[in-house]
Each structure stands twice: as C-alpha cells, then as structure tokens.
Amino acid sequence: MGASNWIEGGIMLGHFQPDISDRYAPYSAAYLVNALTFTQRLIDRIE
C-alpha cells in the first residue's frame, strides 16, 4: 500500500480511533478507495 496510504490501511484494518475532528468530517466508506483497489489487485494476483 505504501506509506502515503498508511492511514487508509489503518481504517481498513479497524485500527482507526475516532476523535473530535470526526464530528466535522464523518467517516465514509468512500475514503477506502485505495484500500479497495489494493485488495482487488491482491485477489486478482492470488487467483
């Protein structure tokens, strides 16, 4: 995934801990676009 997507990886793995800022920018599954792409590429490679 690379260092630039590390936060997204943490969200994908459930390591995300909401804080006060999340009240202003609520979580959305749309934030996981890179994680979805990475996961799909991994699945394609395994198949």
PDB file of N, CA and C in Angstrom:
ATOM      1  N   MET A   1       0.808  -1.194   0.000  1.00  0.00           N
ATOM      2  CA  MET A   1       0.000   0.000   0.000  1.00  0.00           C
ATOM      3  C   MET A   1       0.851   1.257   0.000  1.00  0.00           C
ATOM      4  N   GLY A   2       1.986   1.215   0.575  1.00  0.00           N
ATOM      5  CA  GLY A   2       2.855   2.376   0.599  1.00  0.00           C
ATOM      6  C   GLY A   2       2.550   3.301   1.761  1.00  0.00           C
ATOM      7  N   ALA A   3       3.544   4.086   2.113  1.00  0.00           N
ATOM      8  CA  ALA A   3       3.427   4.977   3.270  1.00  0.00           C
ATOM      9  C   ALA A   3       2.339   6.027   3.088  1.00  0.00           C
ATOM     10  N   SER A   4       2.120   6.479   1.872  1.00  0.00           N
ATOM     11  CA  SER A   4       1.127   7.532   1.653  1.00  0.00           C
ATOM     12  C   SER A   4      -0.291   7.062   1.929  1.00  0.00           C
ATOM     13  N   ASN A   5      -0.525   5.777   1.924  1.00  0.00           N
ATOM     14  CA  ASN A   5      -1.859   5.232   2.174  1.00  0.00           C
ATOM     15  C   ASN A   5      -1.956   4.535   3.532  1.00  0.00           C
ATOM     16  N   TRP A   6      -0.987   4.760   4.400  1.00  0.00           N
ATOM     17  CA  TRP A   6      -0.940   4.053   5.678  1.00  0.00           C
ATOM     18  C   TRP A   6      -2.175   4.322   6.538  1.00  0.00           C
ATOM     19  N   ILE A   7      -2.658   5.569   6.563  1.00  0.00           N
ATOM     20  CA  ILE A   7      -3.852   5.900   7.357  1.00  0.00           C
ATOM     21  C   ILE A   7      -5.048   5.117   6.842  1.00  0.00           C
ATOM     22  N   GLU A   8      -5.185   5.051   5.522  1.00  0.00           N
ATOM     23  CA  GLU A   8      -6.287   4.305   4.939  1.00  0.00           C
ATOM     24  C   GLU A   8      -6.200   2.832   5.309  1.00  0.00           C
ATOM     25  N   GLY A   9      -4.999   2.281   5.313  1.00  0.00           N
ATOM     26  CA  GLY A   9      -4.813   0.890   5.728  1.00  0.00           C
ATOM     27  C   GLY A   9      -5.251   0.678   7.169  1.00  0.00           C
ATOM     28  N   GLY A  10      -4.950   1.631   8.029  1.00  0.00           N
ATOM     29  CA  GLY A  10      -5.379   1.538   9.421  1.00  0.00           C
ATOM     30  C   GLY A  10      -6.884   1.529   9.554  1.00  0.00           C
ATOM     31  N   ILE A  11      -7.549   2.332   8.747  1.00  0.00           N
ATOM     32  CA  ILE A  11      -9.015   2.347   8.751  1.00  0.00           C
ATOM     33  C   ILE A  11      -9.536   0.990   8.287  1.00  0.00           C
ATOM     34  N   MET A  12      -8.959   0.477   7.211  1.00  0.00           N
ATOM     35  CA  MET A  12      -9.396  -0.796   6.644  1.00  0.00           C
ATOM     36  C   MET A  12      -9.250  -1.920   7.667  1.00  0.00           C
ATOM     37  N   LEU A  13      -8.182  -1.876   8.471  1.00  0.00           N
ATOM     38  CA  LEU A  13      -7.920  -2.932   9.449  1.00  0.00           C
ATOM     39  C   LEU A  13      -8.648  -2.725  10.777  1.00  0.00           C
ATOM     40  N   GLY A  14      -9.386  -1.632  10.881  1.00  0.00           N
ATOM     41  CA  GLY A  14     -10.135  -1.381  12.104  1.00  0.00           C
ATOM     42  C   GLY A  14      -9.314  -0.730  13.201  1.00  0.00           C
ATOM     43  N   HIS A  15      -8.157  -0.163  12.870  1.00  0.00           N
ATOM     44  CA  HIS A  15      -7.302   0.469  13.864  1.00  0.00           C
ATOM     45  C   HIS A  15      -7.613   1.949  14.031  1.00  0.00           C
ATOM     46  N   PHE A  16      -8.590   2.432  13.328  1.00  0.00           N
ATOM     47  CA  PHE A  16      -8.943   3.845  13.360  1.00  0.00           C
ATOM     48  C   PHE A  16      -9.675   4.174  14.650  1.00  0.00           C
ATOM     49  N   GLN A  17      -9.192   5.162  15.381  1.00  0.00           N
ATOM     50  CA  GLN A  17      -9.836   5.613  16.604  1.00  0.00           C
ATOM     51  C   GLN A  17     -10.405   7.007  16.370  1.00  0.00           C
ATOM     52  N   PRO A  18     -11.720   7.153  16.314  1.00  0.00           N
ATOM     53  CA  PRO A  18     -12.316   8.465  16.064  1.00  0.00           C
ATOM     54  C   PRO A  18     -11.920   9.479  17.137  1.00  0.00           C
ATOM     55  N   ASP A  19     -11.852  10.745  16.748  1.00  0.00           N
ATOM     56  CA  ASP A  19     -11.589  11.819  17.694  1.00  0.00           C
ATOM     57  C   ASP A  19     -12.566  12.966  17.428  1.00  0.00           C
ATOM     58  N   ILE A  20     -12.354  14.073  18.075  1.00  0.00           N
ATOM     59  CA  ILE A  20     -13.288  15.204  17.987  1.00  0.00           C
ATOM     60  C   ILE A  20     -13.417  15.712  16.547  1.00  0.00           C
ATOM     61  N   SER A  21     -12.360  15.630  15.743  1.00  0.00           N
ATOM     62  CA  SER A  21     -12.421  16.089  14.350  1.00  0.00           C
ATOM     63  C   SER A  21     -13.422  15.292  13.523  1.00  0.00           C
ATOM     64  N   ASP A  22     -13.682  14.065  13.923  1.00  0.00           N
ATOM     65  CA  ASP A  22     -14.609  13.222  13.163  1.00  0.00           C
ATOM     66  C   ASP A  22     -16.047  13.731  13.222  1.00  0.00           C
ATOM     67  N   ARG A  23     -16.339  14.593  14.158  1.00  0.00           N
ATOM     68  CA  ARG A  23     -17.672  15.202  14.197  1.00  0.00           C
ATOM     69  C   ARG A  23     -17.884  16.131  13.009  1.00  0.00           C
ATOM     70  N   TYR A  24     -16.778  16.695  12.526  1.00  0.00           N
ATOM     71  CA  TYR A  24     -16.854  17.648  11.420  1.00  0.00           C
ATOM     72  C   TYR A  24     -16.627  16.989  10.066  1.00  0.00           C
ATOM     73  N   ALA A  25     -15.972  15.851  10.066  1.00  0.00           N
ATOM     74  CA  ALA A  25     -15.713  15.096   8.832  1.00  0.00           C
ATOM     75  C   ALA A  25     -16.037  13.633   9.115  1.00  0.00           C
ATOM     76  N   PRO A  26     -17.326  13.272   9.098  1.00  0.00           N
ATOM     77  CA  PRO A  26     -17.732  11.905   9.442  1.00  0.00           C
ATOM     78  C   PRO A  26     -17.093  10.861   8.533  1.00  0.00           C
ATOM     79  N   TYR A  27     -16.880   9.691   9.088  1.00  0.00           N
ATOM     80  CA  TYR A  27     -16.312   8.571   8.347  1.00  0.00           C
ATOM     81  C   TYR A  27     -17.215   8.192   7.185  1.00  0.00           C
ATOM     82  N   SER A  28     -16.602   7.843   6.082  1.00  0.00           N
ATOM     83  CA  SER A  28     -17.337   7.365   4.909  1.00  0.00           C
ATOM     84  C   SER A  28     -16.551   6.228   4.271  1.00  0.00           C
ATOM     85  N   ALA A  29     -17.239   5.177   3.849  1.00  0.00           N
ATOM     86  CA  ALA A  29     -16.576   4.069   3.170  1.00  0.00           C
ATOM     87  C   ALA A  29     -15.884   4.533   1.892  1.00  0.00           C
ATOM     88  N   ALA A  30     -16.300   5.659   1.343  1.00  0.00           N
ATOM     89  CA  ALA A  30     -15.670   6.196   0.133  1.00  0.00           C
ATOM     90  C   ALA A  30     -14.209   6.545   0.388  1.00  0.00           C
ATOM     91  N   TYR A  31     -13.807   6.693   1.653  1.00  0.00           N
ATOM     92  CA  TYR A  31     -12.417   7.003   1.982  1.00  0.00           C
ATOM     93  C   TYR A  31     -11.500   5.808   1.743  1.00  0.00           C
ATOM     94  N   LEU A  32     -12.072   4.649   1.503  1.00  0.00           N
ATOM     95  CA  LEU A  32     -11.286   3.421   1.363  1.00  0.00           C
ATOM     96  C   LEU A  32     -11.053   3.019  -0.087  1.00  0.00           C
ATOM     97  N   VAL A  33     -11.104   3.967  -1.007  1.00  0.00           N
ATOM     98  CA  VAL A  33     -10.943   3.669  -2.430  1.00  0.00           C
ATOM     99  C   VAL A  33      -9.611   2.985  -2.704  1.00  0.00           C
ATOM    100  N   ASN A  34      -8.520   3.503  -2.142  1.00  0.00           N
ATOM    101  CA  ASN A  34      -7.212   2.899  -2.377  1.00  0.00           C
ATOM    102  C   ASN A  34      -7.118   1.510  -1.759  1.00  0.00           C
ATOM    103  N   ALA A  35      -7.715   1.327  -0.595  1.00  0.00           N
ATOM    104  CA  ALA A  35      -7.702   0.016   0.042  1.00  0.00           C
ATOM    105  C   ALA A  35      -8.464  -0.998  -0.803  1.00  0.00           C
ATOM    106  N   LEU A  36      -9.591  -0.577  -1.361  1.00  0.00           N
ATOM    107  CA  LEU A  36     -10.370  -1.465  -2.216  1.00  0.00           C
ATOM    108  C   LEU A  36      -9.570  -1.851  -3.463  1.00  0.00           C
ATOM    109  N   THR A  37      -8.912  -0.868  -4.066  1.00  0.00           N
ATOM    110  CA  THR A  37      -8.089  -1.140  -5.254  1.00  0.00           C
ATOM    111  C   THR A  37      -6.972  -2.111  -4.921  1.00  0.00           C
ATOM    112  N   PHE A  38      -6.273  -1.878  -3.814  1.00  0.00           N
ATOM    113  CA  PHE A  38      -5.193  -2.751  -3.385  1.00  0.00           C
ATOM    114  C   PHE A  38      -5.696  -4.170  -3.138  1.00  0.00           C
ATOM    115  N   THR A  39      -6.825  -4.281  -2.430  1.00  0.00           N
ATOM    116  CA  THR A  39      -7.387  -5.596  -2.127  1.00  0.00           C
ATOM    117  C   THR A  39      -7.776  -6.340  -3.401  1.00  0.00           C
ATOM    118  N   GLN A  40      -8.383  -5.642  -4.345  1.00  0.00           N
ATOM    119  CA  GLN A  40      -8.788  -6.280  -5.595  1.00  0.00           C
ATOM    120  C   GLN A  40      -7.571  -6.747  -6.384  1.00  0.00           C
ATOM    121  N   ARG A  41      -6.522  -5.954  -6.422  1.00  0.00           N
ATOM    122  CA  ARG A  41      -5.289  -6.368  -7.121  1.00  0.00           C
ATOM    123  C   ARG A  41      -4.678  -7.595  -6.473  1.00  0.00           C
ATOM    124  N   LEU A  42      -4.711  -7.647  -5.130  1.00  0.00           N
ATOM    125  CA  LEU A  42      -4.176  -8.797  -4.410  1.00  0.00           C
ATOM    126  C   LEU A  42      -4.996 -10.044  -4.725  1.00  0.00           C
ATOM    127  N   ILE A  43      -6.307  -9.919  -4.720  1.00  0.00           N
ATOM    128  CA  ILE A  43      -7.181 -11.064  -5.050  1.00  0.00           C
ATOM    129  C   ILE A  43      -6.929 -11.541  -6.470  1.00  0.00           C
ATOM    130  N   ASP A  44      -6.817 -10.607  -7.406  1.00  0.00           N
ATOM    131  CA  ASP A  44      -6.548 -10.972  -8.802  1.00  0.00           C
ATOM    132  C   ASP A  44      -5.218 -11.715  -8.920  1.00  0.00           C
ATOM    133  N   ARG A  45      -4.236 -11.260  -8.177  1.00  0.00           N
ATOM    134  CA  ARG A  45      -2.917 -11.908  -8.232  1.00  0.00           C
ATOM    135  C   ARG A  45      -2.979 -13.328  -7.658  1.00  0.00           C
ATOM    136  N   ILE A  46      -3.735 -13.509  -6.577  1.00  0.00           N
ATOM    137  CA  ILE A  46      -3.868 -14.841  -5.973  1.00  0.00           C
ATOM    138  C   ILE A  46      -4.607 -15.789  -6.915  1.00  0.00           C
ATOM    139  N   GLU A  47      -5.667 -15.282  -7.548  1.00  0.00           N
ATOM    140  CA  GLU A  47      -6.439 -16.131  -8.468  1.00  0.00           C
ATOM    141  C   GLU A  47      -5.607 -16.498  -9.675  1.00  0.00           C
TER     142      GLU A  47
END
